[in-house]
Amino acid sequence: MRKQFLLNPDGSIPQNVNLAALEEAGIPLVMPTEMPRSTGMIAVEQDPQQDEHGVWRQVWTLEPAPEPVAPEPVANPLAALTLEQKQALIALLNAQPDTAG
């Protein structure tokens, strides 16, 4: 996608913007547009386009949302432990905190 610099929603330029650097780099000042929303679709930003007045505007297209992917079942984390590791874990869990302090 082409580089762009989004203006404030009212078309003003944000403070402390180096306009000369943007112009030198060929980066257009672009009017933001509202992102479209539709059930089952996702909004994808496209390259900005100039309107009939020479104003660059942000462009969106709607594309079908990808099908949700079912998460992988979580394997039993204890299954990979050796007998010694399981016994050490049980001992640690059964240990009483030292209250003699």
N, C-alpha and C. Protein backbone atom coordinates (compact mmCIF):
# COMPACT_ATOMS: atom_id res chain seq x y z
N MET A 1 0.85 -1.17 0.00
CA MET A 1 0.00 0.00 0.00
C MET A 1 0.89 1.23 0.00
N ARG A 2 0.46 2.21 -0.68
CA ARG A 2 1.18 3.48 -0.78
C ARG A 2 1.21 4.18 0.58
N LYS A 3 2.33 4.85 0.88
CA LYS A 3 2.43 5.62 2.11
C LYS A 3 1.47 6.79 2.04
N GLN A 4 0.92 7.12 3.22
CA GLN A 4 -0.01 8.23 3.30
C GLN A 4 0.08 8.84 4.69
N PHE A 5 -0.35 10.08 4.83
CA PHE A 5 -0.41 10.74 6.12
C PHE A 5 -1.85 11.16 6.33
N LEU A 6 -2.50 10.59 7.37
CA LEU A 6 -3.89 10.92 7.63
C LEU A 6 -4.00 12.24 8.37
N LEU A 7 -4.86 13.10 7.86
CA LEU A 7 -5.16 14.38 8.51
C LEU A 7 -6.12 14.14 9.67
N ASN A 8 -6.38 15.18 10.43
CA ASN A 8 -7.42 15.11 11.46
C ASN A 8 -8.76 14.94 10.76
N PRO A 9 -9.76 14.40 11.45
CA PRO A 9 -11.07 14.20 10.80
C PRO A 9 -11.67 15.47 10.20
N ASP A 10 -11.32 16.64 10.77
CA ASP A 10 -11.86 17.89 10.22
C ASP A 10 -11.03 18.43 9.06
N GLY A 11 -9.97 17.71 8.65
CA GLY A 11 -9.13 18.12 7.54
C GLY A 11 -7.94 18.96 7.94
N SER A 12 -7.83 19.26 9.24
CA SER A 12 -6.69 20.06 9.69
C SER A 12 -5.44 19.18 9.82
N ILE A 13 -4.30 19.83 9.82
CA ILE A 13 -3.02 19.12 9.93
C ILE A 13 -2.64 19.05 11.40
N PRO A 14 -2.31 17.87 11.92
CA PRO A 14 -1.91 17.76 13.32
C PRO A 14 -0.70 18.64 13.63
N GLN A 15 -0.60 19.06 14.88
CA GLN A 15 0.51 19.91 15.31
C GLN A 15 1.84 19.18 15.15
N ASN A 16 2.89 19.95 14.96
CA ASN A 16 4.27 19.46 14.89
C ASN A 16 4.54 18.51 13.73
N VAL A 17 3.77 18.64 12.65
CA VAL A 17 3.99 17.81 11.47
C VAL A 17 4.96 18.53 10.54
N ASN A 18 5.96 17.81 10.07
CA ASN A 18 6.94 18.38 9.15
C ASN A 18 6.41 18.22 7.72
N LEU A 19 5.66 19.22 7.28
CA LEU A 19 5.05 19.16 5.94
C LEU A 19 6.10 19.07 4.84
N ALA A 20 7.21 19.78 5.01
CA ALA A 20 8.25 19.76 3.98
C ALA A 20 8.79 18.34 3.80
N ALA A 21 8.98 17.61 4.89
CA ALA A 21 9.50 16.24 4.81
C ALA A 21 8.48 15.33 4.12
N LEU A 22 7.20 15.52 4.41
CA LEU A 22 6.16 14.70 3.76
C LEU A 22 6.13 14.99 2.27
N GLU A 23 6.18 16.25 1.91
CA GLU A 23 6.16 16.63 0.49
C GLU A 23 7.39 16.09 -0.23
N GLU A 24 8.55 16.21 0.41
CA GLU A 24 9.80 15.72 -0.18
C GLU A 24 9.75 14.22 -0.42
N ALA A 25 9.11 13.50 0.49
CA ALA A 25 9.00 12.04 0.37
C ALA A 25 7.85 11.62 -0.55
N GLY A 26 7.06 12.59 -1.02
CA GLY A 26 5.94 12.26 -1.91
C GLY A 26 4.78 11.60 -1.19
N ILE A 27 4.64 11.88 0.09
CA ILE A 27 3.56 11.28 0.89
C ILE A 27 2.37 12.23 0.89
N PRO A 28 1.23 11.79 0.35
CA PRO A 28 0.07 12.68 0.28
C PRO A 28 -0.60 12.85 1.64
N LEU A 29 -1.20 14.05 1.83
CA LEU A 29 -2.03 14.32 3.00
C LEU A 29 -3.42 13.80 2.65
N VAL A 30 -3.93 12.89 3.48
CA VAL A 30 -5.16 12.16 3.14
C VAL A 30 -6.25 12.45 4.16
N MET A 31 -7.44 12.75 3.64
CA MET A 31 -8.61 12.92 4.50
C MET A 31 -9.09 11.54 4.95
N PRO A 32 -9.22 11.34 6.25
CA PRO A 32 -9.71 10.04 6.71
C PRO A 32 -11.19 9.88 6.38
N THR A 33 -11.60 8.65 6.18
CA THR A 33 -13.01 8.34 5.95
C THR A 33 -13.42 7.27 6.96
N GLU A 34 -14.70 7.21 7.22
CA GLU A 34 -15.20 6.24 8.19
C GLU A 34 -15.03 4.82 7.64
N MET A 35 -14.54 3.93 8.51
CA MET A 35 -14.36 2.54 8.10
C MET A 35 -15.74 1.89 7.99
N PRO A 36 -16.05 1.26 6.86
CA PRO A 36 -17.36 0.61 6.72
C PRO A 36 -17.43 -0.65 7.59
N ARG A 37 -18.63 -0.98 7.99
CA ARG A 37 -18.85 -2.17 8.81
C ARG A 37 -20.03 -2.95 8.24
N SER A 38 -19.88 -4.26 8.21
CA SER A 38 -20.96 -5.12 7.74
C SER A 38 -20.75 -6.51 8.34
N THR A 39 -21.80 -7.11 8.80
CA THR A 39 -21.71 -8.43 9.42
C THR A 39 -21.10 -9.43 8.46
N GLY A 40 -20.11 -10.18 8.96
CA GLY A 40 -19.47 -11.20 8.15
C GLY A 40 -18.41 -10.67 7.20
N MET A 41 -18.10 -9.38 7.30
CA MET A 41 -17.13 -8.76 6.40
C MET A 41 -16.06 -8.06 7.24
N ILE A 42 -14.88 -7.87 6.63
CA ILE A 42 -13.84 -7.08 7.26
C ILE A 42 -13.48 -5.93 6.33
N ALA A 43 -13.16 -4.78 6.92
CA ALA A 43 -12.76 -3.62 6.14
C ALA A 43 -11.25 -3.69 5.89
N VAL A 44 -10.86 -3.51 4.65
CA VAL A 44 -9.45 -3.53 4.27
C VAL A 44 -9.12 -2.17 3.63
N GLU A 45 -8.11 -1.51 4.19
CA GLU A 45 -7.73 -0.21 3.65
C GLU A 45 -6.98 -0.38 2.33
N GLN A 46 -7.31 0.46 1.37
CA GLN A 46 -6.69 0.45 0.06
C GLN A 46 -5.82 1.70 -0.10
N ASP A 47 -5.17 1.84 -1.24
CA ASP A 47 -4.43 3.06 -1.52
C ASP A 47 -5.40 4.24 -1.56
N PRO A 48 -4.95 5.41 -1.09
CA PRO A 48 -5.83 6.57 -1.15
C PRO A 48 -6.08 6.97 -2.61
N GLN A 49 -7.19 7.66 -2.83
CA GLN A 49 -7.52 8.11 -4.18
C GLN A 49 -7.84 9.61 -4.14
N GLN A 50 -7.48 10.29 -5.23
CA GLN A 50 -7.79 11.71 -5.35
C GLN A 50 -9.19 11.87 -5.93
N ASP A 51 -9.97 12.78 -5.31
CA ASP A 51 -11.29 13.04 -5.86
C ASP A 51 -11.20 14.10 -6.97
N GLU A 52 -12.35 14.51 -7.49
CA GLU A 52 -12.38 15.45 -8.60
C GLU A 52 -11.83 16.84 -8.25
N HIS A 53 -11.67 17.12 -6.93
CA HIS A 53 -11.14 18.40 -6.48
C HIS A 53 -9.66 18.31 -6.10
N GLY A 54 -9.06 17.14 -6.33
CA GLY A 54 -7.65 16.96 -6.02
C GLY A 54 -7.37 16.60 -4.57
N VAL A 55 -8.42 16.32 -3.80
CA VAL A 55 -8.27 15.96 -2.39
C VAL A 55 -8.06 14.45 -2.28
N TRP A 56 -7.00 14.07 -1.59
CA TRP A 56 -6.75 12.65 -1.35
C TRP A 56 -7.67 12.17 -0.25
N ARG A 57 -8.29 11.01 -0.47
CA ARG A 57 -9.22 10.43 0.51
C ARG A 57 -8.86 8.97 0.80
N GLN A 58 -9.05 8.60 2.05
CA GLN A 58 -8.82 7.22 2.48
C GLN A 58 -9.89 6.34 1.83
N VAL A 59 -9.48 5.14 1.40
CA VAL A 59 -10.38 4.23 0.70
C VAL A 59 -10.41 2.89 1.41
N TRP A 60 -11.61 2.35 1.57
CA TRP A 60 -11.81 1.04 2.20
C TRP A 60 -12.58 0.13 1.24
N THR A 61 -12.35 -1.17 1.36
CA THR A 61 -13.19 -2.16 0.69
C THR A 61 -13.61 -3.18 1.74
N LEU A 62 -14.76 -3.80 1.51
CA LEU A 62 -15.23 -4.86 2.40
C LEU A 62 -14.96 -6.20 1.75
N GLU A 63 -14.39 -7.10 2.53
CA GLU A 63 -14.10 -8.45 2.06
C GLU A 63 -14.69 -9.46 3.04
N PRO A 64 -15.03 -10.64 2.56
CA PRO A 64 -15.57 -11.65 3.47
C PRO A 64 -14.57 -11.96 4.58
N ALA A 65 -15.08 -12.05 5.80
CA ALA A 65 -14.23 -12.40 6.94
C ALA A 65 -13.81 -13.85 6.82
N PRO A 66 -12.57 -14.16 7.22
CA PRO A 66 -12.14 -15.56 7.16
C PRO A 66 -12.93 -16.41 8.16
N GLU A 67 -13.06 -17.67 7.83
CA GLU A 67 -13.75 -18.58 8.73
C GLU A 67 -12.96 -18.70 10.03
N PRO A 68 -13.64 -18.71 11.17
CA PRO A 68 -12.91 -18.87 12.43
C PRO A 68 -12.23 -20.23 12.50
N VAL A 69 -11.05 -20.24 13.08
CA VAL A 69 -10.29 -21.47 13.22
C VAL A 69 -10.47 -21.98 14.64
N ALA A 70 -10.88 -23.23 14.76
CA ALA A 70 -11.05 -23.82 16.09
C ALA A 70 -9.69 -23.99 16.74
N PRO A 71 -9.58 -23.62 18.02
CA PRO A 71 -8.29 -23.77 18.70
C PRO A 71 -7.92 -25.23 18.86
N GLU A 72 -6.61 -25.47 18.84
CA GLU A 72 -6.12 -26.83 19.05
C GLU A 72 -6.43 -27.25 20.49
N PRO A 73 -6.84 -28.50 20.69
CA PRO A 73 -7.07 -28.93 22.08
C PRO A 73 -5.76 -28.88 22.86
N VAL A 74 -5.86 -28.43 24.11
CA VAL A 74 -4.68 -28.33 24.95
C VAL A 74 -4.30 -29.72 25.45
N ALA A 75 -3.05 -30.07 25.17
CA ALA A 75 -2.56 -31.37 25.63
C ALA A 75 -2.34 -31.33 27.14
N ASN A 76 -2.34 -32.48 27.77
CA ASN A 76 -2.11 -32.57 29.21
C ASN A 76 -0.65 -32.22 29.47
N PRO A 77 -0.37 -31.09 30.14
CA PRO A 77 1.03 -30.71 30.37
C PRO A 77 1.77 -31.66 31.30
N LEU A 78 1.03 -32.42 32.08
CA LEU A 78 1.69 -33.36 33.00
C LEU A 78 2.12 -34.65 32.30
N ALA A 79 1.57 -34.90 31.11
CA ALA A 79 1.88 -36.15 30.42
C ALA A 79 3.35 -36.26 30.04
N ALA A 80 4.02 -35.14 29.83
CA ALA A 80 5.42 -35.18 29.40
C ALA A 80 6.40 -35.28 30.57
N LEU A 81 5.89 -35.18 31.81
CA LEU A 81 6.78 -35.26 32.97
C LEU A 81 7.22 -36.70 33.25
N THR A 82 8.45 -36.82 33.70
CA THR A 82 8.93 -38.15 34.13
C THR A 82 8.35 -38.45 35.50
N LEU A 83 8.46 -39.69 35.94
CA LEU A 83 7.96 -40.10 37.25
C LEU A 83 8.64 -39.27 38.34
N GLU A 84 9.95 -39.07 38.20
CA GLU A 84 10.69 -38.29 39.20
C GLU A 84 10.19 -36.84 39.24
N GLN A 85 9.91 -36.27 38.08
CA GLN A 85 9.41 -34.90 38.04
C GLN A 85 8.03 -34.80 38.66
N LYS A 86 7.18 -35.79 38.42
CA LYS A 86 5.84 -35.81 39.02
C LYS A 86 5.94 -35.91 40.54
N GLN A 87 6.84 -36.78 41.04
CA GLN A 87 7.00 -36.93 42.48
C GLN A 87 7.52 -35.63 43.10
N ALA A 88 8.46 -34.96 42.43
CA ALA A 88 8.99 -33.70 42.94
C ALA A 88 7.91 -32.63 42.97
N LEU A 89 7.05 -32.61 41.97
CA LEU A 89 5.96 -31.64 41.92
C LEU A 89 4.97 -31.90 43.05
N ILE A 90 4.64 -33.16 43.28
CA ILE A 90 3.72 -33.51 44.37
C ILE A 90 4.32 -33.12 45.71
N ALA A 91 5.61 -33.38 45.90
CA ALA A 91 6.27 -33.01 47.15
C ALA A 91 6.25 -31.49 47.34
N LEU A 92 6.48 -30.75 46.29
CA LEU A 92 6.46 -29.30 46.37
C LEU A 92 5.07 -28.79 46.73
N LEU A 93 4.04 -29.36 46.12
CA LEU A 93 2.68 -28.93 46.40
C LEU A 93 2.23 -29.30 47.80
N ASN A 94 2.75 -30.40 48.33
CA ASN A 94 2.39 -30.85 49.67
C ASN A 94 3.21 -30.19 50.77
N ALA A 95 4.27 -29.50 50.42
CA ALA A 95 5.14 -28.88 51.43
C ALA A 95 4.39 -27.80 52.17
N GLN A 96 4.58 -27.77 53.48
CA GLN A 96 3.96 -26.75 54.32
C GLN A 96 4.87 -25.53 54.35
N PRO A 97 4.34 -24.34 54.29
CA PRO A 97 5.19 -23.15 54.38
C PRO A 97 5.82 -23.07 55.75
N ASP A 98 7.05 -22.56 55.76
CA ASP A 98 7.80 -22.42 57.01
C ASP A 98 7.26 -21.23 57.77
N THR A 99 6.56 -21.49 58.91
CA THR A 99 5.97 -20.42 59.72
C THR A 99 6.77 -20.14 60.97
N ALA A 100 7.95 -20.79 61.11
CA ALA A 100 8.76 -20.60 62.31
C ALA A 100 9.48 -19.26 62.31
N GLY A 101 9.67 -18.64 61.13
CA GLY A 101 10.39 -17.45 60.85
C GLY A 101 10.69 -16.51 61.88
